[in-house]
Amino acid sequence: MNGFQLYSKIRQIDQDAKVCFITAFEEYYDEFNRIFPDLKKRECFIRKPISMNDLIRTVKSHLNYN
């Protein structure tokens, strides 16, 4: 199962779950936009490399956690 398939399974269980995709490959970002064009604003997509501090800040922001 890839990340997109996992995302679909998560959505079947909980439509309100917050999800972040993390990848180093630009083509997955393009695929994400193609498969889920309406979710760009709802989900976060993190590109590697990313520092630990930036990763924590991004995820906290997505979770609205201060």
PDB file of N, CA and C in Angstrom:
ATOM      1  N   MET A   1       0.853  -1.168   0.000  1.00  0.00           N
ATOM      2  CA  MET A   1       0.000   0.000   0.000  1.00  0.00           C
ATOM      3  C   MET A   1       0.904   1.238   0.000  1.00  0.00           C
ATOM      4  N   ASN A   2       0.610   2.166  -0.894  1.00  0.00           N
ATOM      5  CA  ASN A   2       1.383   3.406  -0.898  1.00  0.00           C
ATOM      6  C   ASN A   2       0.669   4.462  -0.050  1.00  0.00           C
ATOM      7  N   GLY A   3       1.269   5.619   0.058  1.00  0.00           N
ATOM      8  CA  GLY A   3       0.713   6.677   0.889  1.00  0.00           C
ATOM      9  C   GLY A   3      -0.647   7.165   0.425  1.00  0.00           C
ATOM     10  N   PHE A   4      -0.854   7.196  -0.874  1.00  0.00           N
ATOM     11  CA  PHE A   4      -2.145   7.643  -1.401  1.00  0.00           C
ATOM     12  C   PHE A   4      -3.249   6.634  -1.085  1.00  0.00           C
ATOM     13  N   GLN A   5      -2.912   5.354  -1.167  1.00  0.00           N
ATOM     14  CA  GLN A   5      -3.881   4.317  -0.806  1.00  0.00           C
ATOM     15  C   GLN A   5      -4.190   4.380   0.689  1.00  0.00           C
ATOM     16  N   LEU A   6      -3.157   4.593   1.503  1.00  0.00           N
ATOM     17  CA  LEU A   6      -3.358   4.741   2.938  1.00  0.00           C
ATOM     18  C   LEU A   6      -4.243   5.943   3.233  1.00  0.00           C
ATOM     19  N   TYR A   7      -4.007   7.036   2.543  1.00  0.00           N
ATOM     20  CA  TYR A   7      -4.830   8.234   2.711  1.00  0.00           C
ATOM     21  C   TYR A   7      -6.304   7.921   2.434  1.00  0.00           C
ATOM     22  N   SER A   8      -6.568   7.209   1.369  1.00  0.00           N
ATOM     23  CA  SER A   8      -7.952   6.841   1.029  1.00  0.00           C
ATOM     24  C   SER A   8      -8.575   5.977   2.123  1.00  0.00           C
ATOM     25  N   LYS A   9      -7.814   5.036   2.671  1.00  0.00           N
ATOM     26  CA  LYS A   9      -8.314   4.191   3.757  1.00  0.00           C
ATOM     27  C   LYS A   9      -8.602   5.026   5.004  1.00  0.00           C
ATOM     28  N   ILE A  10      -7.708   5.958   5.323  1.00  0.00           N
ATOM     29  CA  ILE A  10      -7.921   6.837   6.482  1.00  0.00           C
ATOM     30  C   ILE A  10      -9.200   7.630   6.291  1.00  0.00           C
ATOM     31  N   ARG A  11      -9.423   8.157   5.094  1.00  0.00           N
ATOM     32  CA  ARG A  11     -10.628   8.937   4.805  1.00  0.00           C
ATOM     33  C   ARG A  11     -11.897   8.095   4.948  1.00  0.00           C
ATOM     34  N   GLN A  12     -11.813   6.812   4.618  1.00  0.00           N
ATOM     35  CA  GLN A  12     -12.976   5.934   4.782  1.00  0.00           C
ATOM     36  C   GLN A  12     -13.335   5.779   6.258  1.00  0.00           C
ATOM     37  N   ILE A  13     -12.314   5.805   7.117  1.00  0.00           N
ATOM     38  CA  ILE A  13     -12.521   5.627   8.555  1.00  0.00           C
ATOM     39  C   ILE A  13     -12.898   6.937   9.227  1.00  0.00           C
ATOM     40  N   ASP A  14     -12.205   8.030   8.855  1.00  0.00           N
ATOM     41  CA  ASP A  14     -12.415   9.314   9.524  1.00  0.00           C
ATOM     42  C   ASP A  14     -12.210  10.459   8.534  1.00  0.00           C
ATOM     43  N   GLN A  15     -13.290  11.067   8.104  1.00  0.00           N
ATOM     44  CA  GLN A  15     -13.229  12.174   7.148  1.00  0.00           C
ATOM     45  C   GLN A  15     -12.544  13.409   7.721  1.00  0.00           C
ATOM     46  N   ASP A  16     -12.466  13.511   9.042  1.00  0.00           N
ATOM     47  CA  ASP A  16     -11.887  14.696   9.673  1.00  0.00           C
ATOM     48  C   ASP A  16     -10.430  14.521  10.096  1.00  0.00           C
ATOM     49  N   ALA A  17      -9.853  13.342   9.881  1.00  0.00           N
ATOM     50  CA  ALA A  17      -8.454  13.122  10.258  1.00  0.00           C
ATOM     51  C   ALA A  17      -7.554  14.060   9.461  1.00  0.00           C
ATOM     52  N   LYS A  18      -6.542  14.584  10.138  1.00  0.00           N
ATOM     53  CA  LYS A  18      -5.582  15.461   9.460  1.00  0.00           C
ATOM     54  C   LYS A  18      -4.391  14.623   9.028  1.00  0.00           C
ATOM     55  N   VAL A  19      -3.948  14.860   7.796  1.00  0.00           N
ATOM     56  CA  VAL A  19      -2.904  14.043   7.197  1.00  0.00           C
ATOM     57  C   VAL A  19      -1.837  14.936   6.611  1.00  0.00           C
ATOM     58  N   CYS A  20      -0.576  14.553   6.805  1.00  0.00           N
ATOM     59  CA  CYS A  20       0.543  15.214   6.139  1.00  0.00           C
ATOM     60  C   CYS A  20       1.266  14.169   5.288  1.00  0.00           C
ATOM     61  N   PHE A  21       1.537  14.529   4.055  1.00  0.00           N
ATOM     62  CA  PHE A  21       2.359  13.704   3.175  1.00  0.00           C
ATOM     63  C   PHE A  21       3.781  14.237   3.253  1.00  0.00           C
ATOM     64  N   ILE A  22       4.754  13.331   3.372  1.00  0.00           N
ATOM     65  CA  ILE A  22       6.154  13.724   3.412  1.00  0.00           C
ATOM     66  C   ILE A  22       6.896  12.939   2.341  1.00  0.00           C
ATOM     67  N   THR A  23       7.575  13.663   1.437  1.00  0.00           N
ATOM     68  CA  THR A  23       8.294  12.998   0.356  1.00  0.00           C
ATOM     69  C   THR A  23       9.452  13.853  -0.129  1.00  0.00           C
ATOM     70  N   ALA A  24      10.402  13.213  -0.754  1.00  0.00           N
ATOM     71  CA  ALA A  24      11.530  13.921  -1.356  1.00  0.00           C
ATOM     72  C   ALA A  24      11.354  14.040  -2.863  1.00  0.00           C
ATOM     73  N   PHE A  25      10.293  13.455  -3.389  1.00  0.00           N
ATOM     74  CA  PHE A  25      10.136  13.384  -4.827  1.00  0.00           C
ATOM     75  C   PHE A  25       9.040  14.308  -5.328  1.00  0.00           C
ATOM     76  N   GLU A  26       9.388  15.201  -6.217  1.00  0.00           N
ATOM     77  CA  GLU A  26       8.447  16.179  -6.766  1.00  0.00           C
ATOM     78  C   GLU A  26       7.296  15.507  -7.506  1.00  0.00           C
ATOM     79  N   GLU A  27       7.555  14.370  -8.138  1.00  0.00           N
ATOM     80  CA  GLU A  27       6.489  13.733  -8.913  1.00  0.00           C
ATOM     81  C   GLU A  27       5.342  13.273  -8.014  1.00  0.00           C
ATOM     82  N   TYR A  28       5.618  12.949  -6.765  1.00  0.00           N
ATOM     83  CA  TYR A  28       4.531  12.574  -5.858  1.00  0.00           C
ATOM     84  C   TYR A  28       3.666  13.777  -5.520  1.00  0.00           C
ATOM     85  N   TYR A  29       4.270  14.946  -5.415  1.00  0.00           N
ATOM     86  CA  TYR A  29       3.494  16.165  -5.198  1.00  0.00           C
ATOM     87  C   TYR A  29       2.568  16.405  -6.378  1.00  0.00           C
ATOM     88  N   ASP A  30       3.088  16.224  -7.579  1.00  0.00           N
ATOM     89  CA  ASP A  30       2.264  16.379  -8.784  1.00  0.00           C
ATOM     90  C   ASP A  30       1.147  15.345  -8.812  1.00  0.00           C
ATOM     91  N   GLU A  31       1.464  14.109  -8.422  1.00  0.00           N
ATOM     92  CA  GLU A  31       0.446  13.055  -8.391  1.00  0.00           C
ATOM     93  C   GLU A  31      -0.618  13.379  -7.344  1.00  0.00           C
ATOM     94  N   PHE A  32      -0.200  13.872  -6.185  1.00  0.00           N
ATOM     95  CA  PHE A  32      -1.133  14.280  -5.135  1.00  0.00           C
ATOM     96  C   PHE A  32      -2.106  15.319  -5.677  1.00  0.00           C
ATOM     97  N   ASN A  33      -1.588  16.329  -6.362  1.00  0.00           N
ATOM     98  CA  ASN A  33      -2.439  17.376  -6.921  1.00  0.00           C
ATOM     99  C   ASN A  33      -3.388  16.834  -7.986  1.00  0.00           C
ATOM    100  N   ARG A  34      -2.928  15.853  -8.733  1.00  0.00           N
ATOM    101  CA  ARG A  34      -3.770  15.261  -9.770  1.00  0.00           C
ATOM    102  C   ARG A  34      -4.881  14.406  -9.166  1.00  0.00           C
ATOM    103  N   ILE A  35      -4.550  13.588  -8.162  1.00  0.00           N
ATOM    104  CA  ILE A  35      -5.517  12.671  -7.560  1.00  0.00           C
ATOM    105  C   ILE A  35      -6.474  13.394  -6.613  1.00  0.00           C
ATOM    106  N   PHE A  36      -5.947  14.370  -5.868  1.00  0.00           N
ATOM    107  CA  PHE A  36      -6.744  15.064  -4.855  1.00  0.00           C
ATOM    108  C   PHE A  36      -6.690  16.580  -5.068  1.00  0.00           C
ATOM    109  N   PRO A  37      -7.162  17.090  -6.202  1.00  0.00           N
ATOM    110  CA  PRO A  37      -7.010  18.523  -6.495  1.00  0.00           C
ATOM    111  C   PRO A  37      -7.720  19.436  -5.511  1.00  0.00           C
ATOM    112  N   ASP A  38      -8.788  18.977  -4.916  1.00  0.00           N
ATOM    113  CA  ASP A  38      -9.545  19.817  -3.996  1.00  0.00           C
ATOM    114  C   ASP A  38      -9.024  19.767  -2.563  1.00  0.00           C
ATOM    115  N   LEU A  39      -8.012  18.952  -2.298  1.00  0.00           N
ATOM    116  CA  LEU A  39      -7.516  18.797  -0.933  1.00  0.00           C
ATOM    117  C   LEU A  39      -6.227  19.560  -0.658  1.00  0.00           C
ATOM    118  N   LYS A  40      -5.723  20.289  -1.626  1.00  0.00           N
ATOM    119  CA  LYS A  40      -4.459  20.991  -1.439  1.00  0.00           C
ATOM    120  C   LYS A  40      -4.474  21.894  -0.217  1.00  0.00           C
ATOM    121  N   LYS A  41      -5.572  22.560   0.031  1.00  0.00           N
ATOM    122  CA  LYS A  41      -5.651  23.486   1.142  1.00  0.00           C
ATOM    123  C   LYS A  41      -5.932  22.762   2.456  1.00  0.00           C
ATOM    124  N   ARG A  42      -6.511  21.602   2.370  1.00  0.00           N
ATOM    125  CA  ARG A  42      -6.906  20.867   3.574  1.00  0.00           C
ATOM    126  C   ARG A  42      -5.760  20.041   4.149  1.00  0.00           C
ATOM    127  N   GLU A  43      -4.994  19.425   3.299  1.00  0.00           N
ATOM    128  CA  GLU A  43      -3.907  18.559   3.750  1.00  0.00           C
ATOM    129  C   GLU A  43      -2.564  19.257   3.588  1.00  0.00           C
ATOM    130  N   CYS A  44      -1.579  18.755   4.301  1.00  0.00           N
ATOM    131  CA  CYS A  44      -0.255  19.350   4.133  1.00  0.00           C
ATOM    132  C   CYS A  44       0.631  18.387   3.363  1.00  0.00           C
ATOM    133  N   PHE A  45       1.511  18.954   2.612  1.00  0.00           N
ATOM    134  CA  PHE A  45       2.432  18.185   1.796  1.00  0.00           C
ATOM    135  C   PHE A  45       3.823  18.732   2.071  1.00  0.00           C
ATOM    136  N   ILE A  46       4.663  17.941   2.707  1.00  0.00           N
ATOM    137  CA  ILE A  46       5.978  18.380   3.148  1.00  0.00           C
ATOM    138  C   ILE A  46       7.027  17.750   2.240  1.00  0.00           C
ATOM    139  N   ARG A  47       7.902  18.597   1.728  1.00  0.00           N
ATOM    140  CA  ARG A  47       8.978  18.108   0.867  1.00  0.00           C
ATOM    141  C   ARG A  47      10.265  17.968   1.665  1.00  0.00           C
ATOM    142  N   LYS A  48      10.940  16.829   1.501  1.00  0.00           N
ATOM    143  CA  LYS A  48      12.246  16.617   2.117  1.00  0.00           C
ATOM    144  C   LYS A  48      13.315  17.167   1.180  1.00  0.00           C
ATOM    145  N   PRO A  49      14.430  17.571   1.654  1.00  0.00           N
ATOM    146  CA  PRO A  49      14.817  17.554   3.065  1.00  0.00           C
ATOM    147  C   PRO A  49      14.138  18.678   3.828  1.00  0.00           C
ATOM    148  N   ILE A  50      13.924  18.431   5.115  1.00  0.00           N
ATOM    149  CA  ILE A  50      13.324  19.426   5.999  1.00  0.00           C
ATOM    150  C   ILE A  50      13.982  19.265   7.371  1.00  0.00           C
ATOM    151  N   SER A  51      14.264  20.360   8.004  1.00  0.00           N
ATOM    152  CA  SER A  51      14.869  20.283   9.334  1.00  0.00           C
ATOM    153  C   SER A  51      13.822  19.803  10.335  1.00  0.00           C
ATOM    154  N   MET A  52      14.281  19.265  11.424  1.00  0.00           N
ATOM    155  CA  MET A  52      13.372  18.777  12.451  1.00  0.00           C
ATOM    156  C   MET A  52      12.503  19.920  12.979  1.00  0.00           C
ATOM    157  N   ASN A  53      13.088  21.080  13.195  1.00  0.00           N
ATOM    158  CA  ASN A  53      12.315  22.222  13.692  1.00  0.00           C
ATOM    159  C   ASN A  53      11.236  22.642  12.708  1.00  0.00           C
ATOM    160  N   ASP A  54      11.579  22.679  11.425  1.00  0.00           N
ATOM    161  CA  ASP A  54      10.585  23.038  10.410  1.00  0.00           C
ATOM    162  C   ASP A  54       9.483  21.981  10.308  1.00  0.00           C
ATOM    163  N   LEU A  55       9.865  20.722  10.427  1.00  0.00           N
ATOM    164  CA  LEU A  55       8.867  19.646  10.387  1.00  0.00           C
ATOM    165  C   LEU A  55       7.895  19.781  11.563  1.00  0.00           C
ATOM    166  N   ILE A  56       8.428  19.987  12.743  1.00  0.00           N
ATOM    167  CA  ILE A  56       7.581  20.138  13.930  1.00  0.00           C
ATOM    168  C   ILE A  56       6.670  21.349  13.782  1.00  0.00           C
ATOM    169  N   ARG A  57       7.222  22.458  13.328  1.00  0.00           N
ATOM    170  CA  ARG A  57       6.430  23.677  13.162  1.00  0.00           C
ATOM    171  C   ARG A  57       5.305  23.465  12.141  1.00  0.00           C
ATOM    172  N   THR A  58       5.617  22.814  11.035  1.00  0.00           N
ATOM    173  CA  THR A  58       4.623  22.575   9.988  1.00  0.00           C
ATOM    174  C   THR A  58       3.498  21.677  10.483  1.00  0.00           C
ATOM    175  N   VAL A  59       3.848  20.583  11.154  1.00  0.00           N
ATOM    176  CA  VAL A  59       2.831  19.657  11.646  1.00  0.00           C
ATOM    177  C   VAL A  59       1.986  20.322  12.732  1.00  0.00           C
ATOM    178  N   LYS A  60       2.627  21.034  13.655  1.00  0.00           N
ATOM    179  CA  LYS A  60       1.868  21.747  14.696  1.00  0.00           C
ATOM    180  C   LYS A  60       0.912  22.752  14.064  1.00  0.00           C
ATOM    181  N   SER A  61       1.376  23.460  13.056  1.00  0.00           N
ATOM    182  CA  SER A  61       0.536  24.428  12.383  1.00  0.00           C
ATOM    183  C   SER A  61      -0.668  23.747  11.734  1.00  0.00           C
ATOM    184  N   HIS A  62      -0.411  22.611  11.095  1.00  0.00           N
ATOM    185  CA  HIS A  62      -1.488  21.887  10.438  1.00  0.00           C
ATOM    186  C   HIS A  62      -2.511  21.376  11.449  1.00  0.00           C
ATOM    187  N   LEU A  63      -2.036  21.021  12.633  1.00  0.00           N
ATOM    188  CA  LEU A  63      -2.915  20.516  13.686  1.00  0.00           C
ATOM    189  C   LEU A  63      -3.537  21.638  14.511  1.00  0.00           C
ATOM    190  N   ASN A  64      -3.168  22.881  14.187  1.00  0.00           N
ATOM    191  CA  ASN A  64      -3.601  24.039  14.981  1.00  0.00           C
ATOM    192  C   ASN A  64      -3.193  23.878  16.437  1.00  0.00           C
ATOM    193  N   TYR A  65      -1.973  23.389  16.640  1.00  0.00           N
ATOM    194  CA  TYR A  65      -1.420  23.144  17.964  1.00  0.00           C
ATOM    195  C   TYR A  65      -0.362  24.191  18.238  1.00  0.00           C
ATOM    196  N   ASN A  66      -0.534  24.937  19.308  1.00  0.00           N
ATOM    197  CA  ASN A  66       0.449  25.987  19.629  1.00  0.00           C
ATOM    198  C   ASN A  66       1.291  25.579  20.797  1.00  0.00           C
TER     199      ASN A  66
END
